[in-house]
Amino acid sequence: MNAVPTLTFWAPLVCLIAFLIVIAITYAYRNRGEGSYKEGTEQTEIFLSGEDAPEESVRHVRAHNMYWGFFEAMKRYYGPTVRAHSGIVNDYLIWLLGLTAVAAIALFVAGLF
């Protein structure tokens, strides 16, 4: 008696119906938004509590890299790994094939392959 459970057959349909219901609710909610938006007017200006926004060069926060603190903290790890990466796809494929061969040999020796 190997009957296929009903949920196995209906699960994709239930997920599809749930997805369509979520899409319909999202679309209906989106359509309730304000329709009077006009591009190129004051609506598109930056709001700074009623003050005039400074020029972009003044308000731009300069940084060499936004992950500078993370890289600085992990410098002992990233230094050797960055030097090991050449950026050439062939090198990465050779590493992939080599590691796959080592893993296959290990599985074969362990009797799992």
PDB file of N, CA and C in Angstrom:
ATOM      1  N   MET A   1       0.838  -1.163   0.000  1.00  0.00           N
ATOM      2  CA  MET A   1       0.000   0.000   0.000  1.00  0.00           C
ATOM      3  C   MET A   1       0.893   1.240   0.000  1.00  0.00           C
ATOM      4  N   ASN A   2       1.327   1.661  -1.155  1.00  0.00           N
ATOM      5  CA  ASN A   2       2.185   2.825  -1.319  1.00  0.00           C
ATOM      6  C   ASN A   2       1.402   3.968  -1.948  1.00  0.00           C
ATOM      7  N   ALA A   3       0.441   4.458  -1.250  1.00  0.00           N
ATOM      8  CA  ALA A   3      -0.364   5.559  -1.766  1.00  0.00           C
ATOM      9  C   ALA A   3       0.427   6.859  -1.641  1.00  0.00           C
ATOM     10  N   VAL A   4       0.361   7.666  -2.655  1.00  0.00           N
ATOM     11  CA  VAL A   4       1.023   8.962  -2.643  1.00  0.00           C
ATOM     12  C   VAL A   4       0.192   9.910  -1.776  1.00  0.00           C
ATOM     13  N   PRO A   5       0.820  10.548  -0.799  1.00  0.00           N
ATOM     14  CA  PRO A   5       0.050  11.483   0.031  1.00  0.00           C
ATOM     15  C   PRO A   5      -0.533  12.609  -0.815  1.00  0.00           C
ATOM     16  N   THR A   6      -1.713  13.042  -0.440  1.00  0.00           N
ATOM     17  CA  THR A   6      -2.404  14.088  -1.192  1.00  0.00           C
ATOM     18  C   THR A   6      -1.617  15.393  -1.191  1.00  0.00           C
ATOM     19  N   LEU A   7      -0.981  15.709  -0.077  1.00  0.00           N
ATOM     20  CA  LEU A   7      -0.252  16.959   0.019  1.00  0.00           C
ATOM     21  C   LEU A   7       0.914  16.999  -0.963  1.00  0.00           C
ATOM     22  N   THR A   8       1.507  15.861  -1.275  1.00  0.00           N
ATOM     23  CA  THR A   8       2.618  15.835  -2.214  1.00  0.00           C
ATOM     24  C   THR A   8       2.176  16.330  -3.579  1.00  0.00           C
ATOM     25  N   PHE A   9       0.999  15.948  -4.013  1.00  0.00           N
ATOM     26  CA  PHE A   9       0.488  16.370  -5.313  1.00  0.00           C
ATOM     27  C   PHE A   9       0.026  17.821  -5.283  1.00  0.00           C
ATOM     28  N   TRP A  10      -0.615  18.234  -4.186  1.00  0.00           N
ATOM     29  CA  TRP A  10      -1.232  19.550  -4.139  1.00  0.00           C
ATOM     30  C   TRP A  10      -0.294  20.646  -3.644  1.00  0.00           C
ATOM     31  N   ALA A  11       0.836  20.296  -3.056  1.00  0.00           N
ATOM     32  CA  ALA A  11       1.737  21.307  -2.484  1.00  0.00           C
ATOM     33  C   ALA A  11       2.159  22.366  -3.504  1.00  0.00           C
ATOM     34  N   PRO A  12       2.552  21.996  -4.730  1.00  0.00           N
ATOM     35  CA  PRO A  12       2.910  23.055  -5.690  1.00  0.00           C
ATOM     36  C   PRO A  12       1.730  23.961  -6.033  1.00  0.00           C
ATOM     37  N   LEU A  13       0.557  23.400  -6.133  1.00  0.00           N
ATOM     38  CA  LEU A  13      -0.619  24.218  -6.442  1.00  0.00           C
ATOM     39  C   LEU A  13      -0.964  25.149  -5.293  1.00  0.00           C
ATOM     40  N   VAL A  14      -0.864  24.655  -4.067  1.00  0.00           N
ATOM     41  CA  VAL A  14      -1.137  25.488  -2.900  1.00  0.00           C
ATOM     42  C   VAL A  14      -0.140  26.639  -2.844  1.00  0.00           C
ATOM     43  N   CYS A  15       1.138  26.358  -3.092  1.00  0.00           N
ATOM     44  CA  CYS A  15       2.160  27.407  -3.086  1.00  0.00           C
ATOM     45  C   CYS A  15       1.905  28.426  -4.200  1.00  0.00           C
ATOM     46  N   LEU A  16       1.498  27.954  -5.365  1.00  0.00           N
ATOM     47  CA  LEU A  16       1.213  28.862  -6.475  1.00  0.00           C
ATOM     48  C   LEU A  16       0.017  29.753  -6.157  1.00  0.00           C
ATOM     49  N   ILE A  17      -1.021  29.174  -5.595  1.00  0.00           N
ATOM     50  CA  ILE A  17      -2.206  29.964  -5.228  1.00  0.00           C
ATOM     51  C   ILE A  17      -1.852  30.976  -4.146  1.00  0.00           C
ATOM     52  N   ALA A  18      -1.062  30.558  -3.140  1.00  0.00           N
ATOM     53  CA  ALA A  18      -0.651  31.478  -2.080  1.00  0.00           C
ATOM     54  C   ALA A  18       0.192  32.612  -2.659  1.00  0.00           C
ATOM     55  N   PHE A  19       1.081  32.292  -3.586  1.00  0.00           N
ATOM     56  CA  PHE A  19       1.905  33.309  -4.230  1.00  0.00           C
ATOM     57  C   PHE A  19       1.039  34.305  -4.993  1.00  0.00           C
ATOM     58  N   LEU A  20       0.063  33.825  -5.731  1.00  0.00           N
ATOM     59  CA  LEU A  20      -0.826  34.709  -6.489  1.00  0.00           C
ATOM     60  C   LEU A  20      -1.657  35.597  -5.563  1.00  0.00           C
ATOM     61  N   ILE A  21      -2.084  35.061  -4.427  1.00  0.00           N
ATOM     62  CA  ILE A  21      -2.843  35.856  -3.460  1.00  0.00           C
ATOM     63  C   ILE A  21      -1.962  36.958  -2.876  1.00  0.00           C
ATOM     64  N   VAL A  22      -0.723  36.624  -2.539  1.00  0.00           N
ATOM     65  CA  VAL A  22       0.203  37.626  -2.006  1.00  0.00           C
ATOM     66  C   VAL A  22       0.481  38.707  -3.047  1.00  0.00           C
ATOM     67  N   ILE A  23       0.673  38.317  -4.299  1.00  0.00           N
ATOM     68  CA  ILE A  23       0.893  39.291  -5.364  1.00  0.00           C
ATOM     69  C   ILE A  23      -0.326  40.204  -5.520  1.00  0.00           C
ATOM     70  N   ALA A  24      -1.530  39.645  -5.473  1.00  0.00           N
ATOM     71  CA  ALA A  24      -2.748  40.451  -5.614  1.00  0.00           C
ATOM     72  C   ALA A  24      -2.887  41.442  -4.462  1.00  0.00           C
ATOM     73  N   ILE A  25      -2.601  41.003  -3.235  1.00  0.00           N
ATOM     74  CA  ILE A  25      -2.687  41.897  -2.071  1.00  0.00           C
ATOM     75  C   ILE A  25      -1.638  42.997  -2.183  1.00  0.00           C
ATOM     76  N   THR A  26      -0.432  42.644  -2.597  1.00  0.00           N
ATOM     77  CA  THR A  26       0.637  43.628  -2.755  1.00  0.00           C
ATOM     78  C   THR A  26       0.275  44.654  -3.821  1.00  0.00           C
ATOM     79  N   TYR A  27      -0.255  44.208  -4.928  1.00  0.00           N
ATOM     80  CA  TYR A  27      -0.648  45.116  -6.012  1.00  0.00           C
ATOM     81  C   TYR A  27      -1.770  46.054  -5.557  1.00  0.00           C
ATOM     82  N   ALA A  28      -2.750  45.507  -4.827  1.00  0.00           N
ATOM     83  CA  ALA A  28      -3.849  46.334  -4.338  1.00  0.00           C
ATOM     84  C   ALA A  28      -3.334  47.374  -3.341  1.00  0.00           C
ATOM     85  N   TYR A  29      -2.407  46.990  -2.471  1.00  0.00           N
ATOM     86  CA  TYR A  29      -1.843  47.922  -1.491  1.00  0.00           C
ATOM     87  C   TYR A  29      -1.027  49.006  -2.188  1.00  0.00           C
ATOM     88  N   ARG A  30      -0.278  48.612  -3.211  1.00  0.00           N
ATOM     89  CA  ARG A  30       0.534  49.579  -3.959  1.00  0.00           C
ATOM     90  C   ARG A  30      -0.344  50.612  -4.663  1.00  0.00           C
ATOM     91  N   ASN A  31      -1.476  50.190  -5.185  1.00  0.00           N
ATOM     92  CA  ASN A  31      -2.360  51.106  -5.906  1.00  0.00           C
ATOM     93  C   ASN A  31      -3.046  52.120  -4.994  1.00  0.00           C
ATOM     94  N   ARG A  32      -3.005  51.890  -3.686  1.00  0.00           N
ATOM     95  CA  ARG A  32      -3.599  52.841  -2.746  1.00  0.00           C
ATOM     96  C   ARG A  32      -2.691  54.031  -2.518  1.00  0.00           C
ATOM     97  N   GLY A  33      -1.478  54.035  -3.056  1.00  0.00           N
ATOM     98  CA  GLY A  33      -0.504  55.101  -2.833  1.00  0.00           C
ATOM     99  C   GLY A  33      -0.913  56.408  -3.468  1.00  0.00           C
ATOM    100  N   GLU A  34      -0.139  57.434  -3.155  1.00  0.00           N
ATOM    101  CA  GLU A  34      -0.399  58.776  -3.665  1.00  0.00           C
ATOM    102  C   GLU A  34      -0.079  58.817  -5.149  1.00  0.00           C
ATOM    103  N   GLY A  35      -0.997  59.319  -5.939  1.00  0.00           N
ATOM    104  CA  GLY A  35      -0.818  59.349  -7.381  1.00  0.00           C
ATOM    105  C   GLY A  35      -0.389  60.694  -7.922  1.00  0.00           C
ATOM    106  N   SER A  36      -0.155  61.671  -7.045  1.00  0.00           N
ATOM    107  CA  SER A  36       0.156  63.015  -7.528  1.00  0.00           C
ATOM    108  C   SER A  36       1.658  63.296  -7.549  1.00  0.00           C
ATOM    109  N   TYR A  37       2.487  62.307  -7.582  1.00  0.00           N
ATOM    110  CA  TYR A  37       3.935  62.498  -7.606  1.00  0.00           C
ATOM    111  C   TYR A  37       4.354  63.066  -8.959  1.00  0.00           C
ATOM    112  N   LYS A  38       5.164  64.124  -8.907  1.00  0.00           N
ATOM    113  CA  LYS A  38       5.652  64.751 -10.136  1.00  0.00           C
ATOM    114  C   LYS A  38       7.165  64.809 -10.080  1.00  0.00           C
ATOM    115  N   GLU A  39       7.800  64.183 -11.047  1.00  0.00           N
ATOM    116  CA  GLU A  39       9.251  64.171 -11.101  1.00  0.00           C
ATOM    117  C   GLU A  39       9.769  65.527 -11.568  1.00  0.00           C
ATOM    118  N   GLY A  40      10.897  65.992 -10.999  1.00  0.00           N
ATOM    119  CA  GLY A  40      11.489  67.257 -11.390  1.00  0.00           C
ATOM    120  C   GLY A  40      10.957  68.449 -10.617  1.00  0.00           C
ATOM    121  N   THR A  41      10.121  68.216  -9.600  1.00  0.00           N
ATOM    122  CA  THR A  41       9.597  69.317  -8.781  1.00  0.00           C
ATOM    123  C   THR A  41      10.261  69.266  -7.411  1.00  0.00           C
ATOM    124  N   GLU A  42       9.729  70.050  -6.457  1.00  0.00           N
ATOM    125  CA  GLU A  42      10.274  70.049  -5.101  1.00  0.00           C
ATOM    126  C   GLU A  42      10.088  68.704  -4.410  1.00  0.00           C
ATOM    127  N   GLN A  43       9.216  67.867  -4.920  1.00  0.00           N
ATOM    128  CA  GLN A  43       8.995  66.559  -4.327  1.00  0.00           C
ATOM    129  C   GLN A  43      10.242  65.678  -4.412  1.00  0.00           C
ATOM    130  N   THR A  44      11.099  65.947  -5.369  1.00  0.00           N
ATOM    131  CA  THR A  44      12.284  65.120  -5.546  1.00  0.00           C
ATOM    132  C   THR A  44      13.505  65.689  -4.823  1.00  0.00           C
ATOM    133  N   GLU A  45      13.382  66.844  -4.181  1.00  0.00           N
ATOM    134  CA  GLU A  45      14.504  67.462  -3.478  1.00  0.00           C
ATOM    135  C   GLU A  45      14.761  66.739  -2.155  1.00  0.00           C
ATOM    136  N   ILE A  46      15.992  66.852  -1.671  1.00  0.00           N
ATOM    137  CA  ILE A  46      16.370  66.283  -0.391  1.00  0.00           C
ATOM    138  C   ILE A  46      15.745  67.119   0.722  1.00  0.00           C
ATOM    139  N   PHE A  47      15.162  66.465   1.735  1.00  0.00           N
ATOM    140  CA  PHE A  47      14.553  67.188   2.844  1.00  0.00           C
ATOM    141  C   PHE A  47      15.504  67.172   4.024  1.00  0.00           C
ATOM    142  N   LEU A  48      15.955  68.353   4.443  1.00  0.00           N
ATOM    143  CA  LEU A  48      16.838  68.504   5.596  1.00  0.00           C
ATOM    144  C   LEU A  48      16.196  69.448   6.606  1.00  0.00           C
ATOM    145  N   SER A  49      15.046  69.070   7.105  1.00  0.00           N
ATOM    146  CA  SER A  49      14.318  69.853   8.109  1.00  0.00           C
ATOM    147  C   SER A  49      14.061  71.282   7.646  1.00  0.00           C
ATOM    148  N   GLY A  50      13.768  71.487   6.390  1.00  0.00           N
ATOM    149  CA  GLY A  50      13.443  72.787   5.865  1.00  0.00           C
ATOM    150  C   GLY A  50      14.645  73.615   5.442  1.00  0.00           C
ATOM    151  N   GLU A  51      15.856  73.142   5.720  1.00  0.00           N
ATOM    152  CA  GLU A  51      17.065  73.872   5.323  1.00  0.00           C
ATOM    153  C   GLU A  51      17.395  73.555   3.868  1.00  0.00           C
ATOM    154  N   ASP A  52      18.110  74.470   3.219  1.00  0.00           N
ATOM    155  CA  ASP A  52      18.571  74.216   1.859  1.00  0.00           C
ATOM    156  C   ASP A  52      19.655  73.144   1.887  1.00  0.00           C
ATOM    157  N   ALA A  53      19.560  72.197   0.970  1.00  0.00           N
ATOM    158  CA  ALA A  53      20.555  71.129   0.903  1.00  0.00           C
ATOM    159  C   ALA A  53      21.849  71.677   0.313  1.00  0.00           C
ATOM    160  N   PRO A  54      22.991  71.350   0.936  1.00  0.00           N
ATOM    161  CA  PRO A  54      24.263  71.809   0.367  1.00  0.00           C
ATOM    162  C   PRO A  54      24.570  71.086  -0.935  1.00  0.00           C
ATOM    163  N   GLU A  55      25.581  71.577  -1.635  1.00  0.00           N
ATOM    164  CA  GLU A  55      25.995  70.948  -2.883  1.00  0.00           C
ATOM    165  C   GLU A  55      26.422  69.502  -2.623  1.00  0.00           C
ATOM    166  N   GLU A  56      26.380  68.694  -3.666  1.00  0.00           N
ATOM    167  CA  GLU A  56      26.703  67.281  -3.519  1.00  0.00           C
ATOM    168  C   GLU A  56      28.133  67.069  -3.044  1.00  0.00           C
ATOM    169  N   SER A  57      29.061  67.897  -3.489  1.00  0.00           N
ATOM    170  CA  SER A  57      30.452  67.737  -3.081  1.00  0.00           C
ATOM    171  C   SER A  57      30.625  67.998  -1.584  1.00  0.00           C
ATOM    172  N   VAL A  58      29.775  68.830  -0.998  1.00  0.00           N
ATOM    173  CA  VAL A  58      29.866  69.143   0.426  1.00  0.00           C
ATOM    174  C   VAL A  58      29.194  68.069   1.266  1.00  0.00           C
ATOM    175  N   ARG A  59      28.076  67.551   0.804  1.00  0.00           N
ATOM    176  CA  ARG A  59      27.330  66.581   1.606  1.00  0.00           C
ATOM    177  C   ARG A  59      27.805  65.153   1.412  1.00  0.00           C
ATOM    178  N   HIS A  60      28.684  64.926   0.451  1.00  0.00           N
ATOM    179  CA  HIS A  60      29.190  63.581   0.196  1.00  0.00           C
ATOM    180  C   HIS A  60      30.256  63.229   1.224  1.00  0.00           C
ATOM    181  N   VAL A  61      30.092  62.103   1.900  1.00  0.00           N
ATOM    182  CA  VAL A  61      31.075  61.654   2.874  1.00  0.00           C
ATOM    183  C   VAL A  61      32.100  60.813   2.130  1.00  0.00           C
ATOM    184  N   ARG A  62      33.330  61.295   2.126  1.00  0.00           N
ATOM    185  CA  ARG A  62      34.370  60.593   1.382  1.00  0.00           C
ATOM    186  C   ARG A  62      34.931  59.455   2.213  1.00  0.00           C
ATOM    187  N   ALA A  63      35.178  58.349   1.553  1.00  0.00           N
ATOM    188  CA  ALA A  63      35.799  57.196   2.206  1.00  0.00           C
ATOM    189  C   ALA A  63      36.470  56.368   1.132  1.00  0.00           C
ATOM    190  N   HIS A  64      37.626  55.847   1.467  1.00  0.00           N
ATOM    191  CA  HIS A  64      38.338  55.011   0.511  1.00  0.00           C
ATOM    192  C   HIS A  64      37.560  53.726   0.267  1.00  0.00           C
ATOM    193  N   ASN A  65      37.075  53.136   1.323  1.00  0.00           N
ATOM    194  CA  ASN A  65      36.327  51.898   1.223  1.00  0.00           C
ATOM    195  C   ASN A  65      35.385  51.841   2.413  1.00  0.00           C
ATOM    196  N   MET A  66      34.125  51.557   2.190  1.00  0.00           N
ATOM    197  CA  MET A  66      33.187  51.548   3.301  1.00  0.00           C
ATOM    198  C   MET A  66      33.398  50.359   4.234  1.00  0.00           C
ATOM    199  N   TYR A  67      34.167  49.367   3.804  1.00  0.00           N
ATOM    200  CA  TYR A  67      34.482  48.221   4.654  1.00  0.00           C
ATOM    201  C   TYR A  67      35.895  48.326   5.219  1.00  0.00           C
ATOM    202  N   TRP A  68      36.436  49.545   5.327  1.00  0.00           N
ATOM    203  CA  TRP A  68      37.808  49.729   5.757  1.00  0.00           C
ATOM    204  C   TRP A  68      38.051  49.106   7.128  1.00  0.00           C
ATOM    205  N   GLY A  69      37.185  49.326   8.086  1.00  0.00           N
ATOM    206  CA  GLY A  69      37.367  48.786   9.434  1.00  0.00           C
ATOM    207  C   GLY A  69      37.366  47.272   9.439  1.00  0.00           C
ATOM    208  N   PHE A  70      36.493  46.686   8.659  1.00  0.00           N
ATOM    209  CA  PHE A  70      36.438  45.228   8.583  1.00  0.00           C
ATOM    210  C   PHE A  70      37.721  44.669   7.988  1.00  0.00           C
ATOM    211  N   PHE A  71      38.183  45.275   6.879  1.00  0.00           N
ATOM    212  CA  PHE A  71      39.413  44.795   6.253  1.00  0.00           C
ATOM    213  C   PHE A  71      40.621  45.024   7.153  1.00  0.00           C
ATOM    214  N   GLU A  72      40.622  46.118   7.881  1.00  0.00           N
ATOM    215  CA  GLU A  72      41.744  46.402   8.777  1.00  0.00           C
ATOM    216  C   GLU A  72      41.793  45.369   9.902  1.00  0.00           C
ATOM    217  N   ALA A  73      40.628  45.001  10.428  1.00  0.00           N
ATOM    218  CA  ALA A  73      40.582  44.010  11.499  1.00  0.00           C
ATOM    219  C   ALA A  73      40.961  42.619  10.995  1.00  0.00           C
ATOM    220  N   MET A  74      40.657  42.330   9.737  1.00  0.00           N
ATOM    221  CA  MET A  74      40.921  40.995   9.177  1.00  0.00           C
ATOM    222  C   MET A  74      42.159  40.986   8.284  1.00  0.00           C
ATOM    223  N   LYS A  75      43.037  41.968   8.442  1.00  0.00           N
ATOM    224  CA  LYS A  75      44.189  42.107   7.558  1.00  0.00           C
ATOM    225  C   LYS A  75      45.087  40.868   7.566  1.00  0.00           C
ATOM    226  N   ARG A  76      45.272  40.242   8.725  1.00  0.00           N
ATOM    227  CA  ARG A  76      46.135  39.052   8.796  1.00  0.00           C
ATOM    228  C   ARG A  76      45.565  37.906   7.970  1.00  0.00           C
ATOM    229  N   TYR A  77      44.251  37.850   7.821  1.00  0.00           N
ATOM    230  CA  TYR A  77      43.636  36.807   6.994  1.00  0.00           C
ATOM    231  C   TYR A  77      43.610  37.219   5.525  1.00  0.00           C
ATOM    232  N   TYR A  78      43.191  38.458   5.257  1.00  0.00           N
ATOM    233  CA  TYR A  78      42.997  38.877   3.874  1.00  0.00           C
ATOM    234  C   TYR A  78      44.297  39.104   3.114  1.00  0.00           C
ATOM    235  N   GLY A  79      45.379  39.446   3.805  1.00  0.00           N
ATOM    236  CA  GLY A  79      46.656  39.680   3.121  1.00  0.00           C
ATOM    237  C   GLY A  79      47.092  38.476   2.295  1.00  0.00           C
ATOM    238  N   PRO A  80      47.248  37.301   2.910  1.00  0.00           N
ATOM    239  CA  PRO A  80      47.662  36.130   2.124  1.00  0.00           C
ATOM    240  C   PRO A  80      46.621  35.685   1.092  1.00  0.00           C
ATOM    241  N   THR A  81      45.337  35.796   1.409  1.00  0.00           N
ATOM    242  CA  THR A  81      44.330  35.332   0.457  1.00  0.00           C
ATOM    243  C   THR A  81      44.233  36.239  -0.761  1.00  0.00           C
ATOM    244  N   VAL A  82      44.413  37.543  -0.570  1.00  0.00           N
ATOM    245  CA  VAL A  82      44.370  38.450  -1.711  1.00  0.00           C
ATOM    246  C   VAL A  82      45.560  38.193  -2.628  1.00  0.00           C
ATOM    247  N   ARG A  83      46.731  37.932  -2.053  1.00  0.00           N
ATOM    248  CA  ARG A  83      47.903  37.636  -2.879  1.00  0.00           C
ATOM    249  C   ARG A  83      47.735  36.321  -3.638  1.00  0.00           C
ATOM    250  N   ALA A  84      46.977  35.363  -3.077  1.00  0.00           N
ATOM    251  CA  ALA A  84      46.807  34.060  -3.722  1.00  0.00           C
ATOM    252  C   ALA A  84      45.866  34.122  -4.913  1.00  0.00           C
ATOM    253  N   HIS A  85      45.024  35.133  -4.992  1.00  0.00           N
ATOM    254  CA  HIS A  85      44.061  35.234  -6.084  1.00  0.00           C
ATOM    255  C   HIS A  85      44.642  36.056  -7.227  1.00  0.00           C
ATOM    256  N   SER A  86      44.719  35.410  -8.387  1.00  0.00           N
ATOM    257  CA  SER A  86      45.295  36.087  -9.548  1.00  0.00           C
ATOM    258  C   SER A  86      44.227  36.776 -10.394  1.00  0.00           C
ATOM    259  N   GLY A  87      42.979  36.330 -10.289  1.00  0.00           N
ATOM    260  CA  GLY A  87      41.920  36.910 -11.096  1.00  0.00           C
ATOM    261  C   GLY A  87      41.765  36.232 -12.444  1.00  0.00           C
ATOM    262  N   ILE A  88      42.568  35.198 -12.710  1.00  0.00           N
ATOM    263  CA  ILE A  88      42.499  34.482 -13.978  1.00  0.00           C
ATOM    264  C   ILE A  88      41.603  33.259 -13.773  1.00  0.00           C
ATOM    265  N   VAL A  89      40.591  33.116 -14.616  1.00  0.00           N
ATOM    266  CA  VAL A  89      39.610  32.052 -14.459  1.00  0.00           C
ATOM    267  C   VAL A  89      40.273  30.673 -14.542  1.00  0.00           C
ATOM    268  N   ASN A  90      41.260  30.520 -15.388  1.00  0.00           N
ATOM    269  CA  ASN A  90      41.929  29.226 -15.526  1.00  0.00           C
ATOM    270  C   ASN A  90      42.549  28.761 -14.210  1.00  0.00           C
ATOM    271  N   ASP A  91      43.112  29.684 -13.447  1.00  0.00           N
ATOM    272  CA  ASP A  91      43.685  29.319 -12.154  1.00  0.00           C
ATOM    273  C   ASP A  91      42.609  28.785 -11.214  1.00  0.00           C
ATOM    274  N   TYR A  92      41.458  29.437 -11.203  1.00  0.00           N
ATOM    275  CA  TYR A  92      40.370  28.984 -10.334  1.00  0.00           C
ATOM    276  C   TYR A  92      39.854  27.613 -10.769  1.00  0.00           C
ATOM    277  N   LEU A  93      39.775  27.374 -12.072  1.00  0.00           N
ATOM    278  CA  LEU A  93      39.326  26.062 -12.549  1.00  0.00           C
ATOM    279  C   LEU A  93      40.319  24.971 -12.185  1.00  0.00           C
ATOM    280  N   ILE A  94      41.607  25.278 -12.253  1.00  0.00           N
ATOM    281  CA  ILE A  94      42.607  24.283 -11.858  1.00  0.00           C
ATOM    282  C   ILE A  94      42.460  23.955 -10.374  1.00  0.00           C
ATOM    283  N   TRP A  95      42.259  24.993  -9.530  1.00  0.00           N
ATOM    284  CA  TRP A  95      42.040  24.744  -8.106  1.00  0.00           C
ATOM    285  C   TRP A  95      40.773  23.908  -7.881  1.00  0.00           C
ATOM    286  N   LEU A  96      39.710  24.213  -8.618  1.00  0.00           N
ATOM    287  CA  LEU A  96      38.460  23.452  -8.482  1.00  0.00           C
ATOM    288  C   LEU A  96      38.672  21.991  -8.858  1.00  0.00           C
ATOM    289  N   LEU A  97      39.322  21.746  -9.981  1.00  0.00           N
ATOM    290  CA  LEU A  97      39.569  20.363 -10.406  1.00  0.00           C
ATOM    291  C   LEU A  97      40.492  19.649  -9.431  1.00  0.00           C
ATOM    292  N   GLY A  98      41.513  20.336  -8.949  1.00  0.00           N
ATOM    293  CA  GLY A  98      42.433  19.715  -7.992  1.00  0.00           C
ATOM    294  C   GLY A  98      41.741  19.336  -6.696  1.00  0.00           C
ATOM    295  N   LEU A  99      40.936  20.247  -6.151  1.00  0.00           N
ATOM    296  CA  LEU A  99      40.223  19.945  -4.909  1.00  0.00           C
ATOM    297  C   LEU A  99      39.178  18.853  -5.111  1.00  0.00           C
ATOM    298  N   THR A 100      38.550  18.835  -6.271  1.00  0.00           N
ATOM    299  CA  THR A 100      37.593  17.765  -6.567  1.00  0.00           C
ATOM    300  C   THR A 100      38.306  16.424  -6.642  1.00  0.00           C
ATOM    301  N   ALA A 101      39.476  16.388  -7.249  1.00  0.00           N
ATOM    302  CA  ALA A 101      40.251  15.143  -7.332  1.00  0.00           C
ATOM    303  C   ALA A 101      40.667  14.681  -5.944  1.00  0.00           C
ATOM    304  N   VAL A 102      41.138  15.601  -5.100  1.00  0.00           N
ATOM    305  CA  VAL A 102      41.539  15.224  -3.736  1.00  0.00           C
ATOM    306  C   VAL A 102      40.337  14.701  -2.960  1.00  0.00           C
ATOM    307  N   ALA A 103      39.179  15.348  -3.093  1.00  0.00           N
ATOM    308  CA  ALA A 103      37.978  14.884  -2.396  1.00  0.00           C
ATOM    309  C   ALA A 103      37.546  13.520  -2.914  1.00  0.00           C
ATOM    310  N   ALA A 104      37.631  13.287  -4.224  1.00  0.00           N
ATOM    311  CA  ALA A 104      37.254  11.985  -4.782  1.00  0.00           C
ATOM    312  C   ALA A 104      38.201  10.894  -4.286  1.00  0.00           C
ATOM    313  N   ILE A 105      39.485  11.179  -4.229  1.00  0.00           N
ATOM    314  CA  ILE A 105      40.448  10.188  -3.720  1.00  0.00           C
ATOM    315  C   ILE A 105      40.167   9.889  -2.254  1.00  0.00           C
ATOM    316  N   ALA A 106      39.883  10.930  -1.458  1.00  0.00           N
ATOM    317  CA  ALA A 106      39.577  10.721  -0.043  1.00  0.00           C
ATOM    318  C   ALA A 106      38.330   9.871   0.127  1.00  0.00           C
ATOM    319  N   LEU A 107      37.298  10.127  -0.671  1.00  0.00           N
ATOM    320  CA  LEU A 107      36.068   9.324  -0.591  1.00  0.00           C
ATOM    321  C   LEU A 107      36.324   7.886  -1.034  1.00  0.00           C
ATOM    322  N   PHE A 108      37.166   7.712  -2.052  1.00  0.00           N
ATOM    323  CA  PHE A 108      37.473   6.381  -2.552  1.00  0.00           C
ATOM    324  C   PHE A 108      38.246   5.586  -1.509  1.00  0.00           C
ATOM    325  N   VAL A 109      39.225   6.218  -0.860  1.00  0.00           N
ATOM    326  CA  VAL A 109      40.023   5.551   0.175  1.00  0.00           C
ATOM    327  C   VAL A 109      39.147   5.205   1.373  1.00  0.00           C
ATOM    328  N   ALA A 110      38.206   6.068   1.721  1.00  0.00           N
ATOM    329  CA  ALA A 110      37.325   5.817   2.857  1.00  0.00           C
ATOM    330  C   ALA A 110      36.250   4.790   2.532  1.00  0.00           C
ATOM    331  N   GLY A 111      36.119   4.417   1.273  1.00  0.00           N
ATOM    332  CA  GLY A 111      35.123   3.419   0.882  1.00  0.00           C
ATOM    333  C   GLY A 111      33.721   3.982   0.736  1.00  0.00           C
ATOM    334  N   LEU A 112      33.609   5.267   0.598  1.00  0.00           N
ATOM    335  CA  LEU A 112      32.302   5.903   0.456  1.00  0.00           C
ATOM    336  C   LEU A 112      31.950   6.190  -0.998  1.00  0.00           C
ATOM    337  N   PHE A 113      32.859   5.843  -1.912  1.00  0.00           N
ATOM    338  CA  PHE A 113      32.645   6.182  -3.317  1.00  0.00           C
ATOM    339  C   PHE A 113      32.882   4.972  -4.158  1.00  0.00           C
TER     340      PHE A 113
END
